């Protein structure tokens, strides 16, 4: 949404009135929440842990882009989001296929902490 607002997709008035730095603080809040989830991800599969790390990177990139720290952070967020979607499809396939066949066909890795 922040990207669409900055591009003016919802009108020039909104694009000029929005303070994207406020969105940066929202992204930082979600990043802190995701860091907590990532700690719990140590007891999940390795694939879930990597997914949570990628979500932290996504929110970091979005926050730094919103704070105006350089357009490279927008690219970091975009690539992190692409990796998140691909890994999510992999985890979904693993959950479905492993459950359906009753054995480990698509590996997701054991938990880091047991």
C-alpha atoms as a PDB file:
ATOM      1  CA  UNK A   1       0.000   0.000   0.000  1.00  0.00           C
ATOM      2  CA  UNK A   2       2.808   2.416   0.817  1.00  0.00           C
ATOM      3  CA  UNK A   3       4.290   1.886  -2.623  1.00  0.00           C
ATOM      4  CA  UNK A   4       0.931   2.510  -4.322  1.00  0.00           C
ATOM      5  CA  UNK A   5       0.285   5.618  -2.223  1.00  0.00           C
ATOM      6  CA  UNK A   6       3.748   7.025  -3.014  1.00  0.00           C
ATOM      7  CA  UNK A   7       3.147   6.406  -6.728  1.00  0.00           C
ATOM      8  CA  UNK A   8      -0.107   8.346  -6.554  1.00  0.00           C
ATOM      9  CA  UNK A   9      -2.389   5.442  -7.473  1.00  0.00           C
ATOM     10  CA  UNK A  10      -5.027   6.700  -5.027  1.00  0.00           C
ATOM     11  CA  UNK A  11      -4.832  10.294  -6.139  1.00  0.00           C
ATOM     12  CA  UNK A  12      -2.326  13.096  -6.020  1.00  0.00           C
ATOM     13  CA  UNK A  13      -3.864  14.576  -2.858  1.00  0.00           C
ATOM     14  CA  UNK A  14      -3.242  11.419  -0.844  1.00  0.00           C
ATOM     15  CA  UNK A  15       0.244  11.010  -2.303  1.00  0.00           C
ATOM     16  CA  UNK A  16       1.189  14.518  -1.147  1.00  0.00           C
ATOM     17  CA  UNK A  17      -0.518  14.254   2.258  1.00  0.00           C
ATOM     18  CA  UNK A  18       0.852  10.889   3.380  1.00  0.00           C
ATOM     19  CA  UNK A  19       3.868  10.773   5.647  1.00  0.00           C
ATOM     20  CA  UNK A  20       5.596   7.537   4.703  1.00  0.00           C
ATOM     21  CA  UNK A  21       7.774   7.775   7.804  1.00  0.00           C
ATOM     22  CA  UNK A  22       4.663   6.889   9.834  1.00  0.00           C
ATOM     23  CA  UNK A  23       4.465   3.665   7.837  1.00  0.00           C
ATOM     24  CA  UNK A  24       8.117   3.079   8.704  1.00  0.00           C
ATOM     25  CA  UNK A  25       7.217   2.933  12.395  1.00  0.00           C
ATOM     26  CA  UNK A  26       4.440   0.448  11.617  1.00  0.00           C
ATOM     27  CA  UNK A  27       6.954  -1.715   9.752  1.00  0.00           C
ATOM     28  CA  UNK A  28       9.370  -1.533  12.704  1.00  0.00           C
ATOM     29  CA  UNK A  29       6.569  -2.685  15.025  1.00  0.00           C
ATOM     30  CA  UNK A  30       5.761  -5.638  12.804  1.00  0.00           C
ATOM     31  CA  UNK A  31       9.471  -6.426  12.533  1.00  0.00           C
ATOM     32  CA  UNK A  32       9.758  -6.599  16.343  1.00  0.00           C
ATOM     33  CA  UNK A  33       6.736  -8.908  16.472  1.00  0.00           C
ATOM     34  CA  UNK A  34       8.257 -11.095  13.757  1.00  0.00           C
ATOM     35  CA  UNK A  35      11.554 -11.281  15.667  1.00  0.00           C
ATOM     36  CA  UNK A  36       9.605 -12.746  18.601  1.00  0.00           C
ATOM     37  CA  UNK A  37       7.987 -15.239  16.212  1.00  0.00           C
ATOM     38  CA  UNK A  38      11.419 -16.056  14.780  1.00  0.00           C
ATOM     39  CA  UNK A  39      12.681 -16.997  18.234  1.00  0.00           C
ATOM     40  CA  UNK A  40       9.778 -19.436  18.553  1.00  0.00           C
ATOM     41  CA  UNK A  41      10.617 -20.600  15.028  1.00  0.00           C
ATOM     42  CA  UNK A  42      13.754 -22.213  16.428  1.00  0.00           C
ATOM     43  CA  UNK A  43      11.480 -25.008  17.671  1.00  0.00           C
ATOM     44  CA  UNK A  44       9.731 -25.331  14.286  1.00  0.00           C
ATOM     45  CA  UNK A  45      11.186 -26.700  11.081  1.00  0.00           C
ATOM     46  CA  UNK A  46      14.240 -25.108   9.483  1.00  0.00           C
ATOM     47  CA  UNK A  47      12.084 -24.024   6.547  1.00  0.00           C
ATOM     48  CA  UNK A  48       9.743 -22.111   8.884  1.00  0.00           C
ATOM     49  CA  UNK A  49      12.708 -20.515  10.643  1.00  0.00           C
ATOM     50  CA  UNK A  50      14.138 -19.311   7.315  1.00  0.00           C
ATOM     51  CA  UNK A  51      10.696 -18.030   6.329  1.00  0.00           C
ATOM     52  CA  UNK A  52      10.491 -15.967   9.513  1.00  0.00           C
ATOM     53  CA  UNK A  53      14.007 -14.592   8.955  1.00  0.00           C
ATOM     54  CA  UNK A  54      12.934 -13.506   5.467  1.00  0.00           C
ATOM     55  CA  UNK A  55       9.886 -11.761   6.923  1.00  0.00           C
ATOM     56  CA  UNK A  56      12.170  -9.853   9.319  1.00  0.00           C
ATOM     57  CA  UNK A  57      14.311  -8.817   6.331  1.00  0.00           C
ATOM     58  CA  UNK A  58      11.151  -7.759   4.475  1.00  0.00           C
ATOM     59  CA  UNK A  59      10.006  -5.478   7.303  1.00  0.00           C
ATOM     60  CA  UNK A  60      13.521  -4.114   7.751  1.00  0.00           C
ATOM     61  CA  UNK A  61      13.695  -3.226   4.057  1.00  0.00           C
ATOM     62  CA  UNK A  62      10.231  -1.666   4.074  1.00  0.00           C
ATOM     63  CA  UNK A  63      11.007   0.369   7.195  1.00  0.00           C
ATOM     64  CA  UNK A  64      14.327   1.676   5.913  1.00  0.00           C
ATOM     65  CA  UNK A  65      12.771   2.499   2.547  1.00  0.00           C
ATOM     66  CA  UNK A  66       9.984   4.397   4.324  1.00  0.00           C
ATOM     67  CA  UNK A  67      12.540   6.325   6.360  1.00  0.00           C
ATOM     68  CA  UNK A  68      14.281   7.327   3.119  1.00  0.00           C
ATOM     69  CA  UNK A  69      17.496   5.359   3.652  1.00  0.00           C
ATOM     70  CA  UNK A  70      17.909   4.622  -0.047  1.00  0.00           C
ATOM     71  CA  UNK A  71      16.011   2.912  -2.818  1.00  0.00           C
ATOM     72  CA  UNK A  72      18.174  -0.208  -2.462  1.00  0.00           C
ATOM     73  CA  UNK A  73      16.137  -1.133   0.621  1.00  0.00           C
ATOM     74  CA  UNK A  74      13.017  -1.230  -1.518  1.00  0.00           C
ATOM     75  CA  UNK A  75      14.749  -3.792  -3.741  1.00  0.00           C
ATOM     76  CA  UNK A  76      15.831  -5.803  -0.689  1.00  0.00           C
ATOM     77  CA  UNK A  77      12.203  -5.871   0.476  1.00  0.00           C
ATOM     78  CA  UNK A  78      10.991  -6.881  -2.988  1.00  0.00           C
ATOM     79  CA  UNK A  79      13.428  -9.799  -3.264  1.00  0.00           C
ATOM     80  CA  UNK A  80      12.664 -10.880   0.304  1.00  0.00           C
ATOM     81  CA  UNK A  81       8.962 -10.898  -0.522  1.00  0.00           C
ATOM     82  CA  UNK A  82       9.588 -12.996  -3.628  1.00  0.00           C
ATOM     83  CA  UNK A  83      11.610 -15.479  -1.583  1.00  0.00           C
ATOM     84  CA  UNK A  84       8.866 -15.517   1.078  1.00  0.00           C
ATOM     85  CA  UNK A  85       6.220 -16.421  -1.474  1.00  0.00           C
ATOM     86  CA  UNK A  86       8.315 -19.188  -3.039  1.00  0.00           C
ATOM     87  CA  UNK A  87       9.286 -20.675   0.325  1.00  0.00           C
ATOM     88  CA  UNK A  88       5.673 -20.482   1.508  1.00  0.00           C
ATOM     89  CA  UNK A  89       4.537 -22.492  -1.514  1.00  0.00           C
ATOM     90  CA  UNK A  90       7.263 -25.046  -0.732  1.00  0.00           C
ATOM     91  CA  UNK A  91       6.175 -25.328   2.926  1.00  0.00           C
ATOM     92  CA  UNK A  92       2.538 -25.598   1.865  1.00  0.00           C
ATOM     93  CA  UNK A  93       3.385 -28.385  -0.585  1.00  0.00           C
ATOM     94  CA  UNK A  94       5.408 -30.157   2.093  1.00  0.00           C
ATOM     95  CA  UNK A  95       2.611 -29.939   4.646  1.00  0.00           C
ATOM     96  CA  UNK A  96      -0.014 -31.172   2.189  1.00  0.00           C
ATOM     97  CA  UNK A  97       1.986 -33.915   0.469  1.00  0.00           C
ATOM     98  CA  UNK A  98       3.651 -35.232   3.626  1.00  0.00           C
ATOM     99  CA  UNK A  99       0.286 -35.367   5.361  1.00  0.00           C
ATOM    100  CA  UNK A 100      -1.460 -36.906   2.358  1.00  0.00           C
ATOM    101  CA  UNK A 101       1.081 -39.678   1.813  1.00  0.00           C
ATOM    102  CA  UNK A 102       1.813 -40.176   5.512  1.00  0.00           C
ATOM    103  CA  UNK A 103       5.557 -39.958   5.045  1.00  0.00           C
ATOM    104  CA  UNK A 104       8.262 -37.337   4.513  1.00  0.00           C
ATOM    105  CA  UNK A 105       8.238 -36.723   0.751  1.00  0.00           C
ATOM    106  CA  UNK A 106       9.081 -33.004   0.792  1.00  0.00           C
ATOM    107  CA  UNK A 107      11.603 -32.288   3.567  1.00  0.00           C
ATOM    108  CA  UNK A 108      11.365 -29.147   5.679  1.00  0.00           C
ATOM    109  CA  UNK A 109      14.179 -29.872   8.125  1.00  0.00           C
ATOM    110  CA  UNK A 110      14.114 -30.671  11.799  1.00  0.00           C
ATOM    111  CA  UNK A 111      13.830 -27.957  14.450  1.00  0.00           C
ATOM    112  CA  UNK A 112      17.055 -26.142  15.388  1.00  0.00           C
ATOM    113  CA  UNK A 113      16.160 -26.388  19.107  1.00  0.00           C
ATOM    114  CA  UNK A 114      14.566 -29.574  20.337  1.00  0.00           C
END
